[in-house]
N, C-alpha and C. Protein backbone atom coordinates (compact mmCIF):
# COMPACT_ATOMS: atom_id res chain seq x y z
N UNK A 1 27.04 4.14 40.67
CA UNK A 1 27.43 5.69 40.18
C UNK A 1 26.59 6.49 40.57
N UNK A 2 26.68 7.74 40.56
CA UNK A 2 25.25 8.37 41.13
C UNK A 2 24.45 8.87 41.31
N UNK A 3 23.43 9.62 41.25
CA UNK A 3 22.47 9.68 41.40
C UNK A 3 22.23 10.44 39.67
N UNK A 4 22.73 10.87 39.19
CA UNK A 4 22.65 11.99 38.42
C UNK A 4 22.62 10.84 37.37
N UNK A 5 24.29 10.61 37.30
CA UNK A 5 24.52 9.04 36.21
C UNK A 5 23.68 8.55 36.01
N UNK A 6 22.77 7.68 37.06
CA UNK A 6 21.99 6.41 36.94
C UNK A 6 20.95 7.07 36.11
N UNK A 7 20.49 8.50 36.89
CA UNK A 7 19.38 9.08 35.94
C UNK A 7 19.22 9.83 34.79
N UNK A 8 20.77 9.68 34.70
CA UNK A 8 21.03 10.20 33.18
C UNK A 8 21.54 8.84 31.93
N UNK A 9 21.19 7.61 33.03
CA UNK A 9 21.70 6.19 32.08
C UNK A 9 20.32 6.20 31.64
N UNK A 10 19.10 6.32 32.83
CA UNK A 10 17.78 5.80 32.67
C UNK A 10 16.91 7.04 31.68
N UNK A 11 17.28 7.76 31.22
CA UNK A 11 16.66 8.86 30.36
C UNK A 11 17.62 8.35 29.34
N UNK A 12 18.69 8.24 28.77
CA UNK A 12 19.26 7.14 28.46
C UNK A 12 18.62 6.72 27.13
N UNK A 13 18.53 5.62 27.93
CA UNK A 13 17.20 3.75 27.35
C UNK A 13 15.90 4.81 27.29
N UNK A 14 15.07 5.31 27.95
CA UNK A 14 14.60 5.59 27.19
C UNK A 14 14.13 6.09 26.27
N UNK A 15 15.59 7.20 25.97
CA UNK A 15 15.55 7.65 24.25
C UNK A 15 15.84 7.21 23.54
N UNK A 16 16.26 5.85 24.00
CA UNK A 16 16.45 4.63 22.45
C UNK A 16 15.50 3.91 22.47
N UNK A 17 14.12 3.87 23.79
CA UNK A 17 13.56 3.11 23.37
C UNK A 17 12.53 3.80 22.26
N UNK A 18 12.44 4.98 22.69
CA UNK A 18 11.47 5.69 21.40
C UNK A 18 11.75 5.98 20.35
N UNK A 19 13.23 5.91 19.88
CA UNK A 19 14.08 6.42 18.61
C UNK A 19 13.78 4.33 17.61
N UNK A 20 13.36 3.60 18.63
CA UNK A 20 14.26 2.44 18.09
C UNK A 20 12.27 2.12 17.57
N UNK A 21 11.28 2.29 18.59
CA UNK A 21 9.91 2.38 17.44
C UNK A 21 9.76 3.06 16.66
N UNK A 22 10.71 4.19 17.21
CA UNK A 22 9.98 5.51 15.51
C UNK A 22 10.69 4.43 14.69
N UNK A 23 12.03 3.95 14.66
CA UNK A 23 12.83 3.26 13.34
C UNK A 23 11.66 2.63 12.47
N UNK A 24 10.76 1.73 13.82
CA UNK A 24 10.26 0.74 13.76
C UNK A 24 9.10 1.26 12.36
N UNK A 25 8.31 2.32 12.76
CA UNK A 25 7.40 3.10 12.31
C UNK A 25 7.78 3.81 11.41
N UNK A 26 8.68 4.00 10.79
CA UNK A 26 9.00 4.81 9.76
C UNK A 26 9.19 3.42 8.89
N UNK A 27 10.38 2.08 9.07
CA UNK A 27 10.41 0.90 7.94
C UNK A 27 8.77 1.21 7.30
N UNK A 28 7.98 0.44 8.75
CA UNK A 28 6.90 -0.16 8.01
C UNK A 28 5.74 1.16 6.71
N UNK A 29 6.25 2.49 7.23
CA UNK A 29 5.39 3.34 7.54
C UNK A 29 6.49 4.07 5.37
N UNK A 30 6.92 3.78 5.18
CA UNK A 30 8.04 3.45 4.16
C UNK A 30 7.52 2.06 3.35
N UNK A 31 7.91 1.19 4.42
CA UNK A 31 7.34 -0.41 3.22
C UNK A 31 6.05 -0.68 2.59
N UNK A 32 4.95 0.08 3.43
CA UNK A 32 3.52 0.99 3.24
C UNK A 32 3.58 1.63 1.72
N UNK A 33 4.56 2.53 2.14
CA UNK A 33 4.34 3.23 0.99
C UNK A 33 4.53 2.80 -0.14
N UNK A 34 6.00 2.19 -0.82
CA UNK A 34 6.39 1.71 -1.41
C UNK A 34 5.33 0.71 -2.65
N UNK A 35 4.65 0.25 -1.35
CA UNK A 35 3.34 -1.01 -2.19
C UNK A 35 2.48 -0.14 -3.27
N UNK A 36 2.08 1.39 -2.00
CA UNK A 36 1.32 2.03 -3.19
C UNK A 36 2.20 2.23 -4.54
N UNK A 37 3.08 2.69 -4.49
CA UNK A 37 4.40 3.08 -5.68
C UNK A 37 4.03 2.19 -7.05
N UNK A 38 4.60 0.49 -6.70
CA UNK A 38 4.19 -0.30 -6.73
C UNK A 38 3.37 -0.87 -7.75
N UNK A 39 2.23 -0.46 -7.30
CA UNK A 39 0.61 -0.33 -8.09
C UNK A 39 1.06 1.58 -8.82
N UNK A 40 1.47 1.89 -8.25
CA UNK A 40 1.12 2.42 -9.88
C UNK A 40 1.72 3.19 -10.79
N UNK A 41 3.75 1.91 -10.46
CA UNK A 41 4.26 1.88 -11.76
C UNK A 41 3.83 0.90 -12.26
N UNK A 42 2.58 0.07 -11.57
CA UNK A 42 2.26 -0.57 -11.96
C UNK A 42 1.72 0.15 -13.33
N UNK A 43 0.69 0.50 -13.00
CA UNK A 43 -0.74 1.38 -13.23
C UNK A 43 -0.12 2.34 -14.77
N UNK A 44 1.04 3.25 -14.46
CA UNK A 44 1.64 3.77 -15.18
C UNK A 44 2.43 2.85 -16.51
N UNK A 45 2.34 1.65 -16.18
CA UNK A 45 3.66 0.75 -17.54
C UNK A 45 2.46 0.48 -18.09
N UNK A 46 1.15 -0.30 -18.00
CA UNK A 46 -0.14 -1.08 -18.39
C UNK A 46 -0.91 0.49 -19.53
N UNK A 47 -0.45 1.79 -18.80
CA UNK A 47 -1.48 2.26 -19.57
C UNK A 47 -0.70 3.33 -20.13
N UNK A 48 0.59 3.22 -20.71
CA UNK A 48 1.96 3.62 -21.58
C UNK A 48 2.28 5.01 -20.81
N UNK A 49 2.01 5.18 -19.54
CA UNK A 49 2.04 6.41 -18.99
C UNK A 49 3.76 7.22 -18.17
N UNK A 50 5.12 7.59 -18.63
CA UNK A 50 5.74 8.01 -18.26
C UNK A 50 6.17 7.52 -16.71
N UNK A 51 7.17 6.94 -16.40
CA UNK A 51 8.11 6.46 -14.99
C UNK A 51 7.58 7.93 -14.10
N UNK A 52 7.53 9.15 -14.43
CA UNK A 52 8.48 10.46 -13.68
C UNK A 52 7.37 11.10 -13.98
N UNK A 53 6.52 12.30 -13.03
CA UNK A 53 5.69 12.88 -12.67
C UNK A 53 6.27 14.56 -13.01
N UNK A 54 7.03 15.67 -13.35
CA UNK A 54 7.71 16.38 -12.93
C UNK A 54 7.16 17.19 -11.69
N UNK A 55 5.62 17.88 -12.04
CA UNK A 55 5.00 18.60 -11.52
C UNK A 55 4.25 18.37 -10.57
N UNK A 56 3.95 16.69 -10.53
CA UNK A 56 3.57 16.67 -8.93
C UNK A 56 5.37 16.86 -7.87
N UNK A 57 6.05 15.56 -8.71
CA UNK A 57 7.23 15.74 -7.53
C UNK A 57 6.99 17.31 -7.08
N UNK A 58 7.26 18.03 -7.60
CA UNK A 58 7.69 19.32 -7.60
C UNK A 58 6.79 19.85 -6.16
N UNK A 59 5.88 20.01 -6.34
CA UNK A 59 4.57 19.85 -5.62
C UNK A 59 4.37 19.49 -3.78
N UNK A 60 5.12 17.79 -4.05
CA UNK A 60 4.87 17.18 -3.07
C UNK A 60 6.29 17.68 -2.45
N UNK A 61 7.19 17.82 -3.26
CA UNK A 61 8.74 18.91 -2.74
C UNK A 61 8.39 19.88 -1.75
N UNK A 62 7.66 20.43 -2.20
CA UNK A 62 6.99 22.21 -1.27
C UNK A 62 5.82 21.79 -0.18
N UNK A 63 5.30 20.79 -0.38
CA UNK A 63 4.86 20.25 0.13
C UNK A 63 5.22 19.50 1.80
N UNK A 64 5.89 19.12 1.43
CA UNK A 64 6.91 18.35 2.38
C UNK A 64 7.13 18.81 3.08
N UNK A 65 8.41 20.37 2.71
CA UNK A 65 8.92 21.33 3.03
C UNK A 65 8.14 22.30 4.02
N UNK A 66 6.82 21.89 3.75
CA UNK A 66 5.97 23.30 4.10
C UNK A 66 5.17 22.34 5.94
N UNK A 67 5.18 20.88 5.59
CA UNK A 67 5.50 19.89 6.93
C UNK A 67 6.60 19.47 7.46
N UNK A 68 7.49 20.07 6.72
CA UNK A 68 8.78 19.89 7.72
C UNK A 68 8.91 20.82 8.59
N UNK A 69 8.69 21.99 8.37
CA UNK A 69 8.56 23.11 8.67
C UNK A 69 7.65 23.04 10.24
N UNK A 70 6.66 22.85 9.67
CA UNK A 70 5.53 22.67 11.01
C UNK A 70 5.19 21.86 11.93
N UNK A 71 6.83 20.54 11.28
CA UNK A 71 7.12 19.72 12.16
C UNK A 71 8.67 20.38 13.18
N UNK A 72 8.72 21.22 13.02
CA UNK A 72 10.09 21.36 13.62
C UNK A 72 11.57 20.65 13.20
N UNK A 73 11.40 20.55 12.05
CA UNK A 73 11.95 19.37 10.84
C UNK A 73 12.81 20.04 10.03
N UNK A 74 14.39 20.65 9.99
CA UNK A 74 14.96 21.15 8.83
C UNK A 74 14.29 20.57 7.72
N UNK A 75 13.52 21.28 6.86
CA UNK A 75 13.24 21.51 5.51
C UNK A 75 14.34 20.88 4.31
N UNK A 76 15.56 21.01 4.15
CA UNK A 76 16.40 20.74 2.98
C UNK A 76 16.60 19.25 3.63
N UNK A 77 16.32 18.82 4.51
CA UNK A 77 16.47 17.13 5.19
C UNK A 77 16.01 16.97 4.61
N UNK A 78 14.70 16.85 4.78
CA UNK A 78 13.79 17.17 4.68
C UNK A 78 13.36 16.50 2.72
N UNK A 79 13.67 17.01 1.63
CA UNK A 79 13.36 17.73 0.36
C UNK A 79 14.74 16.11 0.25
N UNK A 80 15.68 16.50 0.77
CA UNK A 80 16.70 15.83 0.03
C UNK A 80 16.25 14.22 0.61
N UNK A 81 15.59 14.27 1.49
CA UNK A 81 14.78 12.74 1.92
C UNK A 81 14.23 12.18 0.79
N UNK A 82 13.08 13.01 -0.10
CA UNK A 82 12.03 13.08 -0.46
C UNK A 82 12.13 12.61 -2.14
N UNK A 83 13.13 13.66 -2.16
CA UNK A 83 13.79 13.40 -3.39
C UNK A 83 14.54 12.38 -3.53
N UNK A 84 16.15 11.55 -2.25
CA UNK A 84 16.11 9.99 -2.26
C UNK A 84 14.61 9.05 -2.58
N UNK A 85 13.55 9.20 -2.30
CA UNK A 85 12.74 7.77 -1.84
C UNK A 85 12.14 8.46 -4.01
N UNK A 86 11.31 9.55 -4.27
CA UNK A 86 11.05 10.04 -5.31
C UNK A 86 12.30 8.80 -6.91
N UNK A 87 13.52 8.91 -6.97
CA UNK A 87 14.32 8.37 -7.08
C UNK A 87 13.90 6.71 -7.59
N UNK A 88 14.19 6.65 -6.73
CA UNK A 88 13.62 4.92 -6.11
C UNK A 88 12.37 4.47 -6.52
N UNK A 89 11.58 5.24 -6.52
CA UNK A 89 10.17 5.33 -7.49
C UNK A 89 10.58 5.42 -8.24
N UNK A 90 11.04 5.98 -8.94
CA UNK A 90 10.98 5.97 -10.82
C UNK A 90 11.68 5.02 -11.53
N UNK A 91 13.06 4.77 -10.75
CA UNK A 91 13.72 3.63 -10.78
C UNK A 91 12.56 2.63 -11.21
N UNK A 92 11.70 2.66 -9.61
CA UNK A 92 10.94 1.29 -9.98
C UNK A 92 9.94 1.13 -11.73
N UNK A 93 9.58 1.91 -11.77
CA UNK A 93 8.83 3.15 -12.56
C UNK A 93 9.54 2.44 -13.62
N UNK A 94 10.33 3.08 -14.38
CA UNK A 94 11.39 2.44 -14.97
C UNK A 94 10.95 0.44 -15.60
N UNK A 95 11.23 0.08 -14.49
CA UNK A 95 11.20 -1.40 -14.44
C UNK A 95 10.48 -2.05 -15.45
N UNK A 96 8.82 -1.33 -14.01
CA UNK A 96 7.77 -1.74 -14.08
C UNK A 96 7.28 -1.89 -16.56
N UNK A 97 8.19 -0.50 -16.84
CA UNK A 97 8.02 -0.12 -18.52
C UNK A 97 8.48 -1.19 -18.74
N UNK A 98 9.57 -1.38 -18.50
CA UNK A 98 10.87 -2.86 -19.43
C UNK A 98 9.82 -4.09 -19.32
């Protein structure tokens, strides 16, 4: 291999290691987040509260879009990601209701 190819391979390996660490952070962060949303679902169920809170969901999406913009992340991607998480959380909350 040439020096530039060797250096590119080293950089690729470093980027992939960083990506792997970040993936682990994402998974553990989501795990922690869902622990809290499960607790919220149980609390809502025990107090006969609705499983979803549309006003909070709108506020959270706006907040996440702002965070995404400041983090140089596509706000539309962030919105889709949060909508996916919200849908999953609502499903969990509905399960606690039944």
